[in-house]
N, C-alpha and C. Protein backbone atom coordinates (compact mmCIF):
# COMPACT_ATOMS: atom_id res chain seq x y z
N MET A 1 18.74 -1.62 1.19
CA MET A 1 17.36 -1.62 1.89
C MET A 1 16.69 -0.36 1.43
N LEU A 2 15.40 -0.44 1.17
CA LEU A 2 14.75 0.81 1.06
C LEU A 2 14.23 1.37 2.54
N THR A 3 14.05 2.71 2.56
CA THR A 3 13.70 3.23 3.86
C THR A 3 12.56 4.04 3.77
N VAL A 4 12.19 4.83 4.76
CA VAL A 4 11.07 5.69 4.87
C VAL A 4 11.22 6.76 3.85
N ASP A 5 12.48 7.21 3.70
CA ASP A 5 12.57 8.32 2.83
C ASP A 5 12.33 7.93 1.39
N ASP A 6 12.49 6.60 1.01
CA ASP A 6 12.09 6.27 -0.43
C ASP A 6 10.64 6.20 -0.39
N VAL A 7 9.84 5.87 0.51
CA VAL A 7 8.52 6.04 0.63
C VAL A 7 7.82 7.37 0.62
N ARG A 8 8.53 8.45 1.32
CA ARG A 8 8.28 9.82 1.23
C ARG A 8 8.25 10.21 -0.29
N SER A 9 9.27 9.92 -0.80
CA SER A 9 9.62 10.35 -2.31
C SER A 9 8.30 9.85 -3.27
N ILE A 10 7.63 8.67 -2.95
CA ILE A 10 6.71 8.21 -3.49
C ILE A 10 5.50 9.01 -3.23
N VAL A 11 5.14 9.27 -1.95
CA VAL A 11 3.93 9.69 -1.60
C VAL A 11 3.96 11.32 -1.78
N ARG A 12 5.01 11.95 -1.85
CA ARG A 12 5.25 13.44 -1.73
C ARG A 12 4.15 14.14 -2.62
N ASP A 13 3.80 13.57 -3.90
CA ASP A 13 2.85 14.33 -4.88
C ASP A 13 1.48 13.65 -4.68
N LEU A 14 1.21 12.62 -3.80
CA LEU A 14 -0.16 12.18 -3.78
C LEU A 14 -1.28 13.00 -3.09
N PRO A 15 -2.10 13.33 -3.96
CA PRO A 15 -3.21 14.09 -3.29
C PRO A 15 -3.85 13.54 -1.96
N ARG A 16 -4.26 14.46 -1.07
CA ARG A 16 -4.58 14.20 0.19
C ARG A 16 -3.97 13.61 1.23
N SER A 17 -2.73 13.06 0.77
CA SER A 17 -1.85 12.24 1.86
C SER A 17 -0.87 13.16 2.66
N TYR A 18 -0.70 12.85 3.73
CA TYR A 18 0.22 13.45 4.73
C TYR A 18 0.80 12.46 5.76
N GLU A 19 1.69 13.08 6.26
CA GLU A 19 2.54 12.21 7.14
C GLU A 19 2.30 12.57 8.67
N VAL A 20 2.03 11.63 9.58
CA VAL A 20 2.08 11.89 11.15
C VAL A 20 2.98 10.91 11.80
N VAL A 21 3.33 11.40 13.01
CA VAL A 21 4.11 10.40 13.83
C VAL A 21 3.05 10.12 15.21
N VAL A 22 2.74 8.92 15.43
CA VAL A 22 1.94 8.58 16.25
C VAL A 22 2.68 7.42 17.37
N ARG A 23 2.89 7.86 18.42
CA ARG A 23 3.56 7.04 19.46
C ARG A 23 5.01 6.58 18.92
N GLY A 24 5.59 7.42 18.29
CA GLY A 24 6.90 7.29 17.92
C GLY A 24 7.00 6.46 16.66
N ARG A 25 5.73 6.22 15.81
CA ARG A 25 5.85 5.53 14.58
C ARG A 25 5.44 6.29 13.59
N ILE A 26 5.98 6.35 12.24
CA ILE A 26 5.61 6.96 11.26
C ILE A 26 4.40 6.37 10.44
N LYS A 27 3.46 7.18 10.14
CA LYS A 27 2.26 6.72 9.36
C LYS A 27 1.92 7.81 8.29
N PHE A 28 1.26 7.22 7.22
CA PHE A 28 0.72 8.19 6.15
C PHE A 28 -0.66 8.04 6.19
N ARG A 29 -1.47 9.09 5.95
CA ARG A 29 -2.84 9.01 6.17
C ARG A 29 -3.35 9.76 4.89
N VAL A 30 -4.79 9.53 4.67
CA VAL A 30 -5.49 10.20 3.72
C VAL A 30 -6.75 10.53 4.72
N GLY A 31 -6.95 11.90 5.02
CA GLY A 31 -8.04 12.07 6.04
C GLY A 31 -7.57 11.52 7.48
N ARG A 32 -8.48 10.90 8.10
CA ARG A 32 -8.02 10.01 9.25
C ARG A 32 -7.87 8.45 9.02
N ILE A 33 -7.77 8.16 7.80
CA ILE A 33 -7.45 6.64 7.42
C ILE A 33 -5.95 6.33 7.17
N VAL A 34 -5.36 5.67 7.96
CA VAL A 34 -4.01 5.26 7.68
C VAL A 34 -3.95 4.33 6.44
N TYR A 35 -2.99 4.50 5.63
CA TYR A 35 -2.91 3.67 4.51
C TYR A 35 -1.25 3.00 4.40
N LEU A 36 -0.49 3.71 5.13
CA LEU A 36 0.92 3.02 5.36
C LEU A 36 1.31 3.40 6.80
N ASP A 37 1.98 2.48 7.50
CA ASP A 37 2.87 2.42 8.72
C ASP A 37 4.08 1.89 8.73
N PHE A 38 4.83 2.23 9.73
CA PHE A 38 6.08 1.67 9.66
C PHE A 38 6.44 1.18 11.21
N SER A 39 7.07 -0.02 11.28
CA SER A 39 7.50 -0.53 12.70
C SER A 39 8.46 0.53 13.10
N CYS A 40 8.55 0.38 14.49
CA CYS A 40 9.38 1.37 15.34
C CYS A 40 10.82 1.39 14.59
N ASP A 41 11.34 0.20 14.28
CA ASP A 41 12.87 -0.13 13.82
C ASP A 41 12.86 0.30 12.21
N GLU A 42 11.71 0.63 11.73
CA GLU A 42 11.36 1.00 10.13
C GLU A 42 11.79 -0.21 9.26
N THR A 43 11.74 -1.55 9.71
CA THR A 43 12.15 -2.52 8.67
C THR A 43 10.85 -3.22 8.27
N LEU A 44 9.65 -2.84 8.85
CA LEU A 44 8.40 -3.21 8.11
C LEU A 44 7.44 -2.30 7.83
N MET A 45 6.85 -2.30 6.77
CA MET A 45 5.78 -1.40 6.43
C MET A 45 4.54 -2.05 6.38
N GLY A 46 3.47 -1.60 6.96
CA GLY A 46 2.05 -2.05 7.00
C GLY A 46 1.46 -1.19 5.88
N PHE A 47 0.52 -1.80 5.04
CA PHE A 47 0.05 -1.06 4.01
C PHE A 47 -1.52 -1.59 3.88
N ALA A 48 -2.38 -0.68 3.33
CA ALA A 48 -3.82 -0.95 3.03
C ALA A 48 -3.79 -2.14 1.87
N PHE A 49 -4.62 -3.16 2.24
CA PHE A 49 -4.77 -4.25 1.16
C PHE A 49 -5.87 -4.95 1.29
N PRO A 50 -6.58 -5.44 0.32
CA PRO A 50 -7.79 -6.15 0.47
C PRO A 50 -7.71 -7.27 1.43
N ARG A 51 -8.59 -7.33 2.53
CA ARG A 51 -8.43 -8.47 3.41
C ARG A 51 -8.64 -9.70 2.75
N ASP A 52 -9.54 -9.95 1.65
CA ASP A 52 -9.85 -11.10 1.09
C ASP A 52 -8.55 -11.64 0.15
N TRP A 53 -7.68 -10.85 -0.10
CA TRP A 53 -6.55 -11.22 -0.87
C TRP A 53 -5.32 -11.50 -0.01
N ARG A 54 -5.35 -10.96 1.16
CA ARG A 54 -4.26 -11.18 2.33
C ARG A 54 -3.70 -12.49 2.31
N PRO A 55 -4.41 -13.71 2.48
CA PRO A 55 -3.74 -14.91 2.48
C PRO A 55 -3.10 -15.24 1.27
N VAL A 56 -3.52 -14.85 -0.11
CA VAL A 56 -3.05 -15.19 -1.15
C VAL A 56 -1.67 -14.48 -1.32
N LEU A 57 -1.70 -13.14 -1.00
CA LEU A 57 -0.31 -12.38 -1.10
C LEU A 57 0.73 -13.06 -0.15
N VAL A 58 0.25 -13.19 1.08
CA VAL A 58 1.18 -13.64 2.11
C VAL A 58 1.81 -15.27 1.74
N SER A 59 0.94 -15.99 1.04
CA SER A 59 1.33 -17.38 0.78
C SER A 59 2.15 -17.53 -0.55
N SER A 60 1.87 -16.53 -1.19
CA SER A 60 2.70 -16.52 -2.34
C SER A 60 4.17 -16.15 -2.36
N GLU A 61 4.61 -15.28 -1.34
CA GLU A 61 5.77 -14.85 -0.93
C GLU A 61 6.06 -14.55 0.47
N PRO A 62 6.03 -15.67 1.27
CA PRO A 62 6.09 -15.50 2.82
C PRO A 62 7.33 -15.08 3.42
N GLN A 63 8.53 -14.95 2.61
CA GLN A 63 9.63 -14.30 2.83
C GLN A 63 9.64 -12.82 2.76
N LYS A 64 8.59 -12.48 2.14
CA LYS A 64 8.64 -10.93 1.79
C LYS A 64 7.20 -10.25 2.62
N PHE A 65 6.25 -10.95 2.53
CA PHE A 65 4.88 -10.48 3.09
C PHE A 65 4.42 -11.18 4.46
N LEU A 66 3.95 -10.53 5.41
CA LEU A 66 3.56 -10.96 6.55
C LEU A 66 2.09 -10.54 6.97
N LEU A 67 1.46 -11.45 7.56
CA LEU A 67 0.17 -11.05 8.14
C LEU A 67 0.16 -9.98 9.23
N PRO A 68 -0.78 -9.02 9.32
CA PRO A 68 -0.61 -7.83 10.33
C PRO A 68 -0.56 -8.67 11.79
N ILE A 69 -0.32 -8.00 12.70
CA ILE A 69 -0.51 -8.41 14.18
C ILE A 69 -1.88 -8.66 14.55
N ASP A 70 -2.01 -9.41 15.35
CA ASP A 70 -3.48 -9.87 15.75
C ASP A 70 -4.33 -8.62 15.83
N SER A 71 -4.01 -7.62 16.62
CA SER A 71 -4.96 -6.31 16.67
C SER A 71 -5.27 -5.82 15.44
N GLU A 72 -4.56 -5.88 14.30
CA GLU A 72 -4.98 -5.31 12.92
C GLU A 72 -5.43 -6.41 12.00
N LEU A 73 -5.83 -7.50 12.40
CA LEU A 73 -6.32 -8.50 11.54
C LEU A 73 -7.64 -8.03 11.08
N ARG A 74 -8.34 -7.35 11.74
CA ARG A 74 -9.75 -6.99 11.31
C ARG A 74 -9.80 -5.76 10.16
N TRP A 75 -8.58 -5.24 9.94
CA TRP A 75 -8.49 -4.17 8.94
C TRP A 75 -8.21 -4.85 7.57
N ASN A 76 -8.23 -4.02 6.39
CA ASN A 76 -7.70 -4.34 5.21
C ASN A 76 -6.16 -3.90 5.43
N TRP A 77 -5.32 -4.84 5.77
CA TRP A 77 -4.04 -4.52 6.36
C TRP A 77 -3.15 -5.65 5.94
N VAL A 78 -1.85 -5.51 5.47
CA VAL A 78 -0.84 -6.45 5.46
C VAL A 78 0.45 -5.79 5.69
N ARG A 79 1.56 -6.51 5.86
CA ARG A 79 3.10 -5.98 6.22
C ARG A 79 3.98 -6.56 5.07
N VAL A 80 4.93 -5.82 4.80
CA VAL A 80 6.12 -6.23 4.00
C VAL A 80 7.44 -5.78 4.55
N ARG A 81 8.32 -6.71 4.32
CA ARG A 81 9.64 -6.55 4.98
C ARG A 81 10.34 -5.66 3.90
N LEU A 82 10.85 -4.50 4.31
CA LEU A 82 11.41 -3.53 3.25
C LEU A 82 12.74 -4.02 2.60
N ASN A 83 13.53 -4.79 3.43
CA ASN A 83 14.70 -5.36 2.79
C ASN A 83 14.46 -6.47 1.71
N ALA A 84 13.14 -6.83 1.51
CA ALA A 84 12.76 -7.77 0.46
C ALA A 84 12.00 -7.30 -0.79
N VAL A 85 12.07 -5.93 -0.78
CA VAL A 85 11.29 -5.47 -2.13
C VAL A 85 12.32 -4.56 -2.93
N GLU A 86 11.98 -4.39 -3.97
CA GLU A 86 12.78 -3.40 -4.72
C GLU A 86 11.82 -2.09 -5.01
N HIS A 87 12.58 -0.88 -5.42
CA HIS A 87 11.94 0.26 -5.40
C HIS A 87 10.50 0.27 -6.36
N ASP A 88 10.68 -0.35 -7.39
CA ASP A 88 9.41 -0.44 -8.30
C ASP A 88 8.26 -1.09 -7.86
N GLU A 89 8.61 -2.15 -6.93
CA GLU A 89 7.59 -2.94 -6.21
C GLU A 89 7.04 -2.21 -4.95
N LEU A 90 7.93 -1.60 -4.33
CA LEU A 90 7.49 -0.69 -3.28
C LEU A 90 6.55 0.37 -3.92
N ARG A 91 6.86 1.09 -4.88
CA ARG A 91 6.05 2.09 -5.59
C ARG A 91 4.56 1.67 -5.75
N ASP A 92 4.66 0.40 -6.30
CA ASP A 92 3.19 -0.19 -6.65
C ASP A 92 2.34 -0.60 -5.39
N LEU A 93 3.18 -1.03 -4.42
CA LEU A 93 2.41 -1.31 -3.12
C LEU A 93 2.00 0.04 -2.41
N VAL A 94 2.79 1.12 -2.46
CA VAL A 94 2.33 2.45 -1.90
C VAL A 94 1.05 3.02 -2.67
N LEU A 95 1.26 2.88 -4.04
CA LEU A 95 0.16 3.50 -4.82
C LEU A 95 -1.17 2.91 -4.81
N ASP A 96 -1.07 1.61 -4.47
CA ASP A 96 -2.07 0.72 -4.36
C ASP A 96 -2.88 1.00 -3.16
N ALA A 97 -1.99 1.01 -2.08
CA ALA A 97 -2.65 1.35 -0.74
C ALA A 97 -3.28 2.63 -0.73
N TRP A 98 -2.69 3.62 -1.26
CA TRP A 98 -3.19 4.92 -1.20
C TRP A 98 -4.48 4.98 -2.14
N ALA A 99 -4.57 4.24 -3.33
CA ALA A 99 -5.71 4.32 -4.15
C ALA A 99 -6.80 3.44 -3.46
N PHE A 100 -6.48 2.49 -2.48
CA PHE A 100 -7.57 1.86 -1.84
C PHE A 100 -8.32 2.88 -0.82
N VAL A 101 -7.79 3.89 -0.41
CA VAL A 101 -8.35 4.69 0.61
C VAL A 101 -8.91 5.99 0.16
N VAL A 102 -8.38 6.58 -0.99
CA VAL A 102 -8.78 7.69 -1.62
C VAL A 102 -10.11 7.69 -2.55
N PRO A 103 -11.10 8.75 -2.67
CA PRO A 103 -12.05 8.31 -3.50
C PRO A 103 -11.60 7.85 -4.86
N ARG A 104 -12.55 7.16 -5.57
CA ARG A 104 -12.07 6.66 -6.88
C ARG A 104 -11.90 7.79 -7.82
N ARG A 105 -12.49 8.88 -7.79
CA ARG A 105 -12.33 9.81 -8.77
C ARG A 105 -10.92 10.62 -8.42
N VAL A 106 -10.49 10.66 -7.23
CA VAL A 106 -9.25 11.15 -7.08
C VAL A 106 -8.09 10.38 -7.50
N ALA A 107 -8.17 8.97 -7.32
CA ALA A 107 -7.22 8.16 -7.98
C ALA A 107 -7.11 8.08 -9.51
N GLU A 108 -8.40 8.13 -9.83
CA GLU A 108 -8.52 8.15 -11.45
C GLU A 108 -7.60 9.27 -11.91
N ALA A 109 -7.99 10.36 -11.43
CA ALA A 109 -7.33 11.81 -11.76
C ALA A 109 -5.78 11.51 -11.62
N TYR A 110 -5.30 11.23 -10.46
CA TYR A 110 -4.00 11.06 -10.27
C TYR A 110 -3.36 10.22 -11.29
N PHE A 111 -3.99 8.99 -11.59
CA PHE A 111 -3.37 8.09 -12.46
C PHE A 111 -3.44 8.36 -13.84
N ALA A 112 -4.47 9.30 -14.23
CA ALA A 112 -4.54 9.76 -15.61
C ALA A 112 -3.74 10.86 -15.98
N THR A 113 -3.06 11.65 -14.90
CA THR A 113 -2.26 12.80 -15.36
C THR A 113 -0.67 12.23 -14.80
N SER A 114 -0.47 11.08 -14.38
CA SER A 114 0.93 10.71 -14.02
C SER A 114 1.33 9.61 -15.07
N PRO A 115 2.17 10.00 -15.67
CA PRO A 115 2.69 9.08 -16.94
C PRO A 115 3.39 7.89 -16.37
N GLY A 116 2.91 6.74 -16.95
CA GLY A 116 3.72 5.57 -16.46
C GLY A 116 3.07 4.80 -15.19
N VAL A 117 2.14 5.59 -14.37
CA VAL A 117 2.00 5.07 -12.99
C VAL A 117 0.74 4.04 -13.38
N GLY A 118 -0.22 4.65 -14.03
CA GLY A 118 -1.35 3.76 -14.10
C GLY A 118 -1.25 2.67 -15.40
N SER A 119 -0.21 2.48 -16.03
CA SER A 119 -0.03 1.58 -17.21
C SER A 119 0.48 0.18 -16.60
N ARG A 120 1.24 0.28 -15.52
CA ARG A 120 1.78 -0.86 -14.97
C ARG A 120 0.88 -1.50 -14.02
N PRO A 121 0.44 -2.76 -14.08
CA PRO A 121 -0.50 -3.31 -13.16
C PRO A 121 0.21 -3.80 -11.69
N SER A 122 -0.46 -3.62 -10.92
CA SER A 122 0.12 -3.81 -9.58
C SER A 122 -0.22 -5.38 -9.13
N ARG A 123 0.44 -5.58 -7.93
CA ARG A 123 0.24 -7.10 -7.46
C ARG A 123 -0.99 -7.41 -7.11
N ALA A 124 -1.85 -6.30 -6.43
CA ALA A 124 -3.23 -6.51 -5.90
C ALA A 124 -4.26 -6.54 -7.24
N ALA A 125 -3.80 -5.73 -8.04
CA ALA A 125 -4.88 -5.59 -9.35
C ALA A 125 -4.61 -6.64 -9.98
N SER A 126 -3.37 -7.33 -10.24
CA SER A 126 -3.16 -8.69 -10.71
C SER A 126 -3.79 -9.79 -10.62
N HIS A 127 -3.78 -9.86 -9.00
CA HIS A 127 -4.69 -11.03 -8.42
C HIS A 127 -5.88 -10.82 -8.58
N ALA A 128 -6.52 -9.43 -8.35
CA ALA A 128 -7.81 -9.34 -8.45
C ALA A 128 -8.45 -9.57 -9.83
N ARG A 129 -7.65 -9.21 -10.93
CA ARG A 129 -8.23 -9.46 -12.16
C ARG A 129 -8.46 -11.05 -12.47
N SER A 130 -7.71 -11.75 -11.81
CA SER A 130 -7.80 -13.33 -12.07
C SER A 130 -8.92 -13.92 -11.57
N SER A 131 -9.79 -13.02 -10.79
CA SER A 131 -11.07 -13.56 -10.26
C SER A 131 -12.15 -12.63 -10.58
N SER A 132 -13.26 -12.75 -9.64
CA SER A 132 -14.44 -11.84 -9.88
C SER A 132 -14.23 -10.52 -8.98
N THR A 133 -13.07 -10.45 -8.13
CA THR A 133 -12.99 -9.24 -7.23
C THR A 133 -12.48 -8.04 -7.91
N PRO A 134 -13.03 -7.09 -8.04
CA PRO A 134 -12.60 -5.61 -8.66
C PRO A 134 -11.09 -5.43 -8.00
N SER A 135 -10.25 -4.95 -9.04
CA SER A 135 -8.87 -4.50 -8.71
C SER A 135 -9.07 -3.23 -7.68
N VAL A 136 -7.86 -3.21 -6.88
CA VAL A 136 -7.71 -2.25 -5.83
C VAL A 136 -7.93 -0.74 -6.39
N ARG A 137 -7.53 -0.64 -7.48
CA ARG A 137 -7.62 0.87 -8.06
C ARG A 137 -8.90 1.07 -8.62
N SER A 138 -9.92 0.01 -8.70
CA SER A 138 -11.17 0.43 -9.28
C SER A 138 -12.17 0.04 -8.29
N ARG A 139 -11.76 -0.13 -6.92
CA ARG A 139 -12.79 -0.48 -5.94
C ARG A 139 -13.93 0.46 -5.71
N ARG A 140 -13.58 1.76 -5.78
CA ARG A 140 -14.66 2.84 -5.22
C ARG A 140 -15.49 3.53 -6.34
């Protein structure tokens, strides 16, 4: 099973990203915007994700993805069971969540200088390209 340490290794080099602990829960932020958080037992990870695509993602793999708790439904947010994802998929989810909250130029600069990161399409970007909605990495 993947852990918070696996996520830390992914976000370690992301510009403007930092870790905080709020009420005993680990969260990752860009500025004041939270783009990742973990349940108290660290088995679930919440992440920034386009609200319009949330039902598609959750219904595509309900054993893996969950809707956010009721108080988080108003946000661009979804949750994933860490024991249901592989490292490469977790990396895509984390990078998409980060790219969703940073300015576009910051994300573009990171993906342009990080070999292999920008070339692999993400789940959100794949869903978005199949319709008129822009991809997560090109939203801003």
